[in-house]
C-alpha atoms as a PDB file:
ATOM      1  CA  MET A   1      -7.447  16.993  32.748  1.00  0.00           C
ATOM      2  CA  ASN A   2      -5.633  16.663  29.427  1.00  0.00           C
ATOM      3  CA  SER A   3      -7.692  16.699  26.236  1.00  0.00           C
ATOM      4  CA  PRO A   4      -7.266  13.606  24.040  1.00  0.00           C
ATOM      5  CA  GLU A   5      -4.773  13.689  21.183  1.00  0.00           C
ATOM      6  CA  PRO A   6      -6.441  14.541  17.853  1.00  0.00           C
ATOM      7  CA  THR A   7      -6.883  11.647  15.456  1.00  0.00           C
ATOM      8  CA  LEU A   8      -5.049  11.525  12.138  1.00  0.00           C
ATOM      9  CA  GLN A   9      -8.279  12.496  10.387  1.00  0.00           C
ATOM     10  CA  GLU A  10      -8.894  15.437  12.745  1.00  0.00           C
ATOM     11  CA  THR A  11      -5.324  16.633  12.233  1.00  0.00           C
ATOM     12  CA  SER A  12      -5.754  16.267   8.473  1.00  0.00           C
ATOM     13  CA  GLU A  13      -8.988  18.250   8.482  1.00  0.00           C
ATOM     14  CA  ALA A  14      -7.333  21.056  10.436  1.00  0.00           C
ATOM     15  CA  HIS A  15      -4.534  21.204   7.852  1.00  0.00           C
ATOM     16  CA  ILE A  16      -7.061  21.087   4.986  1.00  0.00           C
ATOM     17  CA  ALA A  17      -8.936  24.002   6.529  1.00  0.00           C
ATOM     18  CA  ALA A  18      -5.653  25.915   6.678  1.00  0.00           C
ATOM     19  CA  CYS A  19      -4.981  25.130   3.007  1.00  0.00           C
ATOM     20  CA  LEU A  20      -8.418  26.367   2.019  1.00  0.00           C
ATOM     21  CA  ARG A  21      -7.722  29.622   3.886  1.00  0.00           C
ATOM     22  CA  GLY A  22      -4.609  30.045   1.751  1.00  0.00           C
ATOM     23  CA  ASP A  23      -2.094  29.006   4.409  1.00  0.00           C
ATOM     24  CA  GLN A  24       0.831  27.334   2.608  1.00  0.00           C
ATOM     25  CA  ALA A  25       1.940  25.690   5.861  1.00  0.00           C
ATOM     26  CA  GLY A  26      -1.173  23.514   5.663  1.00  0.00           C
ATOM     27  CA  TYR A  27       0.025  21.953   2.416  1.00  0.00           C
ATOM     28  CA  SER A  28       3.454  21.255   3.871  1.00  0.00           C
ATOM     29  CA  ALA A  29       1.906  19.668   6.957  1.00  0.00           C
ATOM     30  CA  LEU A  30      -0.349  17.395   4.879  1.00  0.00           C
ATOM     31  CA  TYR A  31       2.612  16.354   2.749  1.00  0.00           C
ATOM     32  CA  GLU A  32       4.676  15.525   5.836  1.00  0.00           C
ATOM     33  CA  LEU A  33       1.842  13.439   7.273  1.00  0.00           C
ATOM     34  CA  TYR A  34       1.221  11.290   4.204  1.00  0.00           C
ATOM     35  CA  ALA A  35       4.142  11.414   1.771  1.00  0.00           C
ATOM     36  CA  SER A  36       6.021   8.388   3.097  1.00  0.00           C
ATOM     37  CA  GLY A  37       2.913   6.184   3.076  1.00  0.00           C
ATOM     38  CA  VAL A  38       1.915   7.257  -0.423  1.00  0.00           C
ATOM     39  CA  TYR A  39       5.439   6.697  -1.706  1.00  0.00           C
ATOM     40  CA  ARG A  40       5.607   3.222  -0.152  1.00  0.00           C
ATOM     41  CA  LEU A  41       2.224   2.336  -1.657  1.00  0.00           C
ATOM     42  CA  CYS A  42       3.371   3.476  -5.095  1.00  0.00           C
ATOM     43  CA  TYR A  43       6.687   1.671  -4.858  1.00  0.00           C
ATOM     44  CA  ASN A  44       5.022  -1.585  -3.764  1.00  0.00           C
ATOM     45  CA  LEU A  45       2.918  -1.460  -6.917  1.00  0.00           C
ATOM     46  CA  LEU A  46       5.417  -0.021  -9.416  1.00  0.00           C
ATOM     47  CA  LEU A  47       8.769  -1.415  -8.203  1.00  0.00           C
ATOM     48  CA  ASN A  48      10.632   1.601  -9.475  1.00  0.00           C
ATOM     49  CA  HIS A  49      11.881   4.382  -7.202  1.00  0.00           C
ATOM     50  CA  ASP A  50      11.745   7.102  -9.869  1.00  0.00           C
ATOM     51  CA  ASP A  51       8.225   6.136 -10.957  1.00  0.00           C
ATOM     52  CA  ALA A  52       7.072   5.952  -7.338  1.00  0.00           C
ATOM     53  CA  GLU A  53       8.475   9.418  -6.631  1.00  0.00           C
ATOM     54  CA  ASP A  54       6.847  10.838  -9.764  1.00  0.00           C
ATOM     55  CA  ILE A  55       3.455   9.312  -8.979  1.00  0.00           C
ATOM     56  CA  THR A  56       3.672  10.454  -5.352  1.00  0.00           C
ATOM     57  CA  GLN A  57       4.299  14.032  -6.459  1.00  0.00           C
ATOM     58  CA  ASP A  58       1.574  13.820  -9.090  1.00  0.00           C
ATOM     59  CA  ALA A  59      -0.924  12.452  -6.548  1.00  0.00           C
ATOM     60  CA  PHE A  60      -0.224  15.298  -4.136  1.00  0.00           C
ATOM     61  CA  VAL A  61      -0.428  17.953  -6.863  1.00  0.00           C
ATOM     62  CA  TYR A  62      -3.826  16.601  -7.937  1.00  0.00           C
ATOM     63  CA  ALA A  63      -5.042  16.274  -4.340  1.00  0.00           C
ATOM     64  CA  PHE A  64      -4.004  19.800  -3.440  1.00  0.00           C
ATOM     65  CA  LYS A  65      -5.689  21.217  -6.548  1.00  0.00           C
ATOM     66  CA  SER A  66      -8.833  19.246  -5.693  1.00  0.00           C
ATOM     67  CA  LEU A  67      -9.028  19.910  -1.947  1.00  0.00           C
ATOM     68  CA  ARG A  68     -12.292  21.853  -2.281  1.00  0.00           C
ATOM     69  CA  ARG A  69     -13.881  18.715  -3.766  1.00  0.00           C
ATOM     70  CA  TYR A  70     -12.752  16.474  -0.900  1.00  0.00           C
ATOM     71  CA  ASP A  71     -15.696  15.409   1.281  1.00  0.00           C
ATOM     72  CA  SER A  72     -14.775  14.045   4.716  1.00  0.00           C
ATOM     73  CA  ALA A  73     -18.294  12.611   5.039  1.00  0.00           C
ATOM     74  CA  LYS A  74     -17.541  10.202   2.194  1.00  0.00           C
ATOM     75  CA  ALA A  75     -13.977   9.096   2.990  1.00  0.00           C
ATOM     76  CA  SER A  76     -11.052   9.809   5.247  1.00  0.00           C
ATOM     77  CA  PHE A  77      -8.353  11.969   3.707  1.00  0.00           C
ATOM     78  CA  LYS A  78      -5.973   9.006   3.768  1.00  0.00           C
ATOM     79  CA  THR A  79      -8.252   6.760   1.721  1.00  0.00           C
ATOM     80  CA  TRP A  80      -9.062   9.616  -0.661  1.00  0.00           C
ATOM     81  CA  LEU A  81      -5.364  10.286  -1.213  1.00  0.00           C
ATOM     82  CA  TYR A  82      -4.568   6.566  -1.603  1.00  0.00           C
ATOM     83  CA  THR A  83      -7.353   6.308  -4.182  1.00  0.00           C
ATOM     84  CA  ILE A  84      -5.740   9.074  -6.222  1.00  0.00           C
ATOM     85  CA  ALA A  85      -2.308   7.424  -5.960  1.00  0.00           C
ATOM     86  CA  ILE A  86      -3.597   3.978  -6.945  1.00  0.00           C
ATOM     87  CA  CYS A  87      -5.411   5.390  -9.980  1.00  0.00           C
ATOM     88  CA  ARG A  88      -2.169   6.918 -11.184  1.00  0.00           C
ATOM     89  CA  CYS A  89      -0.234   3.725 -10.483  1.00  0.00           C
ATOM     90  CA  ARG A  90      -2.767   1.755 -12.511  1.00  0.00           C
ATOM     91  CA  ASN A  91      -2.309   4.054 -15.474  1.00  0.00           C
ATOM     92  CA  LEU A  92       1.442   3.548 -15.318  1.00  0.00           C
ATOM     93  CA  TYR A  93       1.574  -0.191 -14.759  1.00  0.00           C
ATOM     94  CA  ARG A  94      -0.985  -0.797 -17.485  1.00  0.00           C
ATOM     95  CA  ARG A  95       1.524   0.800 -19.844  1.00  0.00           C
ATOM     96  CA  ASN A  96       4.630  -0.776 -18.333  1.00  0.00           C
ATOM     97  CA  ARG A  97       3.218  -4.171 -17.307  1.00  0.00           C
ATOM     98  CA  VAL A  98       4.948  -4.102 -13.914  1.00  0.00           C
ATOM     99  CA  PRO A  99       5.259  -7.798 -12.962  1.00  0.00           C
ATOM    100  CA  LEU A 100       6.429  -8.004  -9.364  1.00  0.00           C
ATOM    101  CA  LEU A 101       5.788  -6.749  -5.862  1.00  0.00           C
ATOM    102  CA  ASP A 102       8.780  -6.007  -3.656  1.00  0.00           C
ATOM    103  CA  ILE A 103       8.108  -8.244  -0.689  1.00  0.00           C
ATOM    104  CA  SER A 104      10.747  -6.559   1.495  1.00  0.00           C
ATOM    105  CA  SER A 105       9.068  -3.176   1.065  1.00  0.00           C
ATOM    106  CA  LEU A 106       5.685  -4.713   1.753  1.00  0.00           C
ATOM    107  CA  LEU A 107       6.978  -6.060   5.048  1.00  0.00           C
ATOM    108  CA  HIS A 108       8.784  -2.775   5.871  1.00  0.00           C
ATOM    109  CA  ASN A 109      12.001  -4.760   6.404  1.00  0.00           C
ATOM    110  CA  PRO A 110      13.828  -7.727   4.898  1.00  0.00           C
ATOM    111  CA  LEU A 111      12.587 -11.213   5.595  1.00  0.00           C
ATOM    112  CA  ALA A 112      14.218 -12.824   8.590  1.00  0.00           C
ATOM    113  CA  ALA A 113      17.415 -14.728   7.948  1.00  0.00           C
ATOM    114  CA  PRO A 114      17.234 -18.508   8.138  1.00  0.00           C
ATOM    115  CA  LYS A 115      17.586 -19.915  11.647  1.00  0.00           C
ATOM    116  CA  SER A 116      20.450 -22.086  10.426  1.00  0.00           C
ATOM    117  CA  GLU A 117      23.536 -20.333   9.107  1.00  0.00           C
ATOM    118  CA  SER A 118      24.440 -23.215   6.790  1.00  0.00           C
ATOM    119  CA  PRO A 119      24.876 -22.393   3.092  1.00  0.00           C
ATOM    120  CA  GLU A 120      22.183 -24.948   2.286  1.00  0.00           C
ATOM    121  CA  ALA A 121      19.669 -23.190   4.559  1.00  0.00           C
ATOM    122  CA  ALA A 122      20.528 -19.774   3.123  1.00  0.00           C
ATOM    123  CA  PHE A 123      20.144 -21.140  -0.414  1.00  0.00           C
ATOM    124  CA  ALA A 124      16.758 -22.690   0.414  1.00  0.00           C
ATOM    125  CA  HIS A 125      15.563 -19.467   2.013  1.00  0.00           C
ATOM    126  CA  ARG A 126      16.647 -17.413  -1.013  1.00  0.00           C
ATOM    127  CA  ASN A 127      14.873 -19.814  -3.385  1.00  0.00           C
ATOM    128  CA  ALA A 128      11.723 -19.697  -1.277  1.00  0.00           C
ATOM    129  CA  ARG A 129      11.762 -15.909  -1.243  1.00  0.00           C
ATOM    130  CA  GLU A 130      12.195 -15.781  -5.019  1.00  0.00           C
ATOM    131  CA  ALA A 131       9.269 -18.177  -5.383  1.00  0.00           C
ATOM    132  CA  LEU A 132       7.120 -15.898  -3.228  1.00  0.00           C
ATOM    133  CA  GLU A 133       8.046 -12.804  -5.259  1.00  0.00           C
ATOM    134  CA  LYS A 134       7.229 -14.619  -8.524  1.00  0.00           C
ATOM    135  CA  ALA A 135       3.917 -15.810  -7.104  1.00  0.00           C
ATOM    136  CA  LEU A 136       2.991 -12.274  -6.056  1.00  0.00           C
ATOM    137  CA  GLY A 137       3.857 -11.084  -9.539  1.00  0.00           C
ATOM    138  CA  ARG A 138       1.397 -13.568 -11.018  1.00  0.00           C
ATOM    139  CA  LEU A 139      -1.534 -12.172  -9.033  1.00  0.00           C
ATOM    140  CA  GLN A 140      -4.098 -10.075 -10.873  1.00  0.00           C
ATOM    141  CA  PRO A 141      -3.428  -6.355 -10.224  1.00  0.00           C
ATOM    142  CA  ARG A 142      -6.642  -5.876  -8.200  1.00  0.00           C
ATOM    143  CA  LEU A 143      -5.719  -8.785  -5.918  1.00  0.00           C
ATOM    144  CA  ARG A 144      -2.165  -7.502  -5.496  1.00  0.00           C
ATOM    145  CA  GLU A 145      -3.471  -4.013  -4.679  1.00  0.00           C
ATOM    146  CA  ALA A 146      -5.852  -5.384  -2.046  1.00  0.00           C
ATOM    147  CA  LEU A 147      -3.042  -7.419  -0.483  1.00  0.00           C
ATOM    148  CA  VAL A 148      -0.693  -4.414  -0.374  1.00  0.00           C
ATOM    149  CA  LEU A 149      -3.347  -2.193   1.196  1.00  0.00           C
ATOM    150  CA  ARG A 150      -4.258  -4.819   3.790  1.00  0.00           C
ATOM    151  CA  TYR A 151      -0.866  -6.144   4.835  1.00  0.00           C
ATOM    152  CA  GLY A 152       1.462  -3.378   3.664  1.00  0.00           C
ATOM    153  CA  HIS A 153      -0.593  -0.465   4.997  1.00  0.00           C
ATOM    154  CA  GLY A 154      -2.914  -2.033   7.556  1.00  0.00           C
ATOM    155  CA  LEU A 155      -6.125  -0.723   6.000  1.00  0.00           C
ATOM    156  CA  THR A 156      -9.423  -2.226   7.099  1.00  0.00           C
ATOM    157  CA  TYR A 157     -11.648  -3.911   4.542  1.00  0.00           C
ATOM    158  CA  ARG A 158     -13.919  -0.864   4.625  1.00  0.00           C
ATOM    159  CA  GLU A 159     -10.972   1.436   3.879  1.00  0.00           C
ATOM    160  CA  ILE A 160      -9.736  -0.879   1.109  1.00  0.00           C
ATOM    161  CA  ALA A 161     -13.240  -0.770  -0.359  1.00  0.00           C
ATOM    162  CA  GLU A 162     -13.151   3.028  -0.353  1.00  0.00           C
ATOM    163  CA  VAL A 163      -9.747   3.124  -2.045  1.00  0.00           C
ATOM    164  CA  MET A 164     -10.620   0.460  -4.631  1.00  0.00           C
ATOM    165  CA  ASP A 165     -14.195   1.719  -5.148  1.00  0.00           C
ATOM    166  CA  CYS A 166     -15.870  -1.594  -4.397  1.00  0.00           C
ATOM    167  CA  PRO A 167     -18.070  -3.059  -1.641  1.00  0.00           C
ATOM    168  CA  ALA A 168     -16.329  -4.055   1.597  1.00  0.00           C
ATOM    169  CA  LYS A 169     -17.242  -7.695   0.956  1.00  0.00           C
ATOM    170  CA  THR A 170     -15.494  -7.482  -2.408  1.00  0.00           C
ATOM    171  CA  ALA A 171     -12.385  -6.034  -0.760  1.00  0.00           C
ATOM    172  CA  GLU A 172     -12.407  -8.852   1.790  1.00  0.00           C
ATOM    173  CA  SER A 173     -12.908 -11.382  -0.983  1.00  0.00           C
ATOM    174  CA  ARG A 174      -9.979  -9.984  -2.980  1.00  0.00           C
ATOM    175  CA  VAL A 175      -7.651 -10.266   0.016  1.00  0.00           C
ATOM    176  CA  ARG A 176      -8.858 -13.813   0.661  1.00  0.00           C
ATOM    177  CA  LEU A 177      -8.494 -14.806  -2.984  1.00  0.00           C
ATOM    178  CA  ALA A 178      -5.011 -13.302  -3.085  1.00  0.00           C
ATOM    179  CA  THR A 179      -3.848 -15.195  -0.004  1.00  0.00           C
ATOM    180  CA  GLU A 180      -5.421 -18.437  -1.234  1.00  0.00           C
ATOM    181  CA  ALA A 181      -3.824 -18.034  -4.653  1.00  0.00           C
ATOM    182  CA  LEU A 182      -0.432 -17.413  -3.078  1.00  0.00           C
ATOM    183  CA  ALA A 183      -0.806 -20.416  -0.781  1.00  0.00           C
ATOM    184  CA  GLY A 184      -1.694 -22.598  -3.756  1.00  0.00           C
ATOM    185  CA  MET A 185       1.279 -21.394  -5.802  1.00  0.00           C
ATOM    186  CA  LEU A 186       3.726 -21.718  -2.915  1.00  0.00           C
ATOM    187  CA  ARG A 187       2.765 -25.113  -1.501  1.00  0.00           C
ATOM    188  CA  PRO A 188       4.605 -26.839   0.005  1.00  0.00           C
ATOM    189  CA  THR A 189       8.184 -25.593   0.096  1.00  0.00           C
ATOM    190  CA  SER A 190       7.662 -21.831   0.459  1.00  0.00           C
ATOM    191  CA  GLU A 191       4.410 -21.699   2.363  1.00  0.00           C
ATOM    192  CA  TYR A 192       6.129 -20.618   5.598  1.00  0.00           C
ATOM    193  CA  LEU A 193       7.076 -17.360   3.849  1.00  0.00           C
ATOM    194  CA  LEU A 194       3.440 -16.652   3.099  1.00  0.00           C
ATOM    195  CA  GLU A 195       2.639 -17.231   6.784  1.00  0.00           C
ATOM    196  CA  GLU A 196       5.470 -14.832   7.654  1.00  0.00           C
ATOM    197  CA  LEU A 197       3.957 -12.230   5.334  1.00  0.00           C
ATOM    198  CA  LEU A 198       0.443 -12.562   6.687  1.00  0.00           C
ATOM    199  CA  SER A 199       1.450 -12.603  10.354  1.00  0.00           C
ATOM    200  CA  TYR A 200       3.580  -9.449  10.170  1.00  0.00           C
END
């Protein structure tokens, strides 16, 4: 009888234990597991590849230096690492006033092309997409963060609460407020794009 595959958290804890024993391979393994997700999170919030790369590296350096302080009883390694990354993103976008969220990155791929190939349909779709990006940019940072974590990274409300250091009900409320605000800003012409975002 085969033993079940270890969970992401169990795998992470094994690598953390290796790091704490001084095994450099543990650090490399942790980086391989989480680097792409952390980078995507940072880019969705900062909209700059260089900044996202810098913050990703900075988050890992801090996390690796602080591994002895990580407590798996309080949070999964993923949420702990995302918390570190978001804190560093906040510091940067407070200074730079980053206005927009890259909707294509949030969805992992570009929005679907219009069903009709006519120039008019393509123009309407492009305008609708631009309206959605502008609307996302007008969200308060905490609402945008909650939306990215929920729909860009698939975190549960409990995990979002851990990352954002708030009650789960607050995390759920922020996601709801963000989607309602977007729906209000996009009605009526671009609302189908919001539905596309939320159903991905």
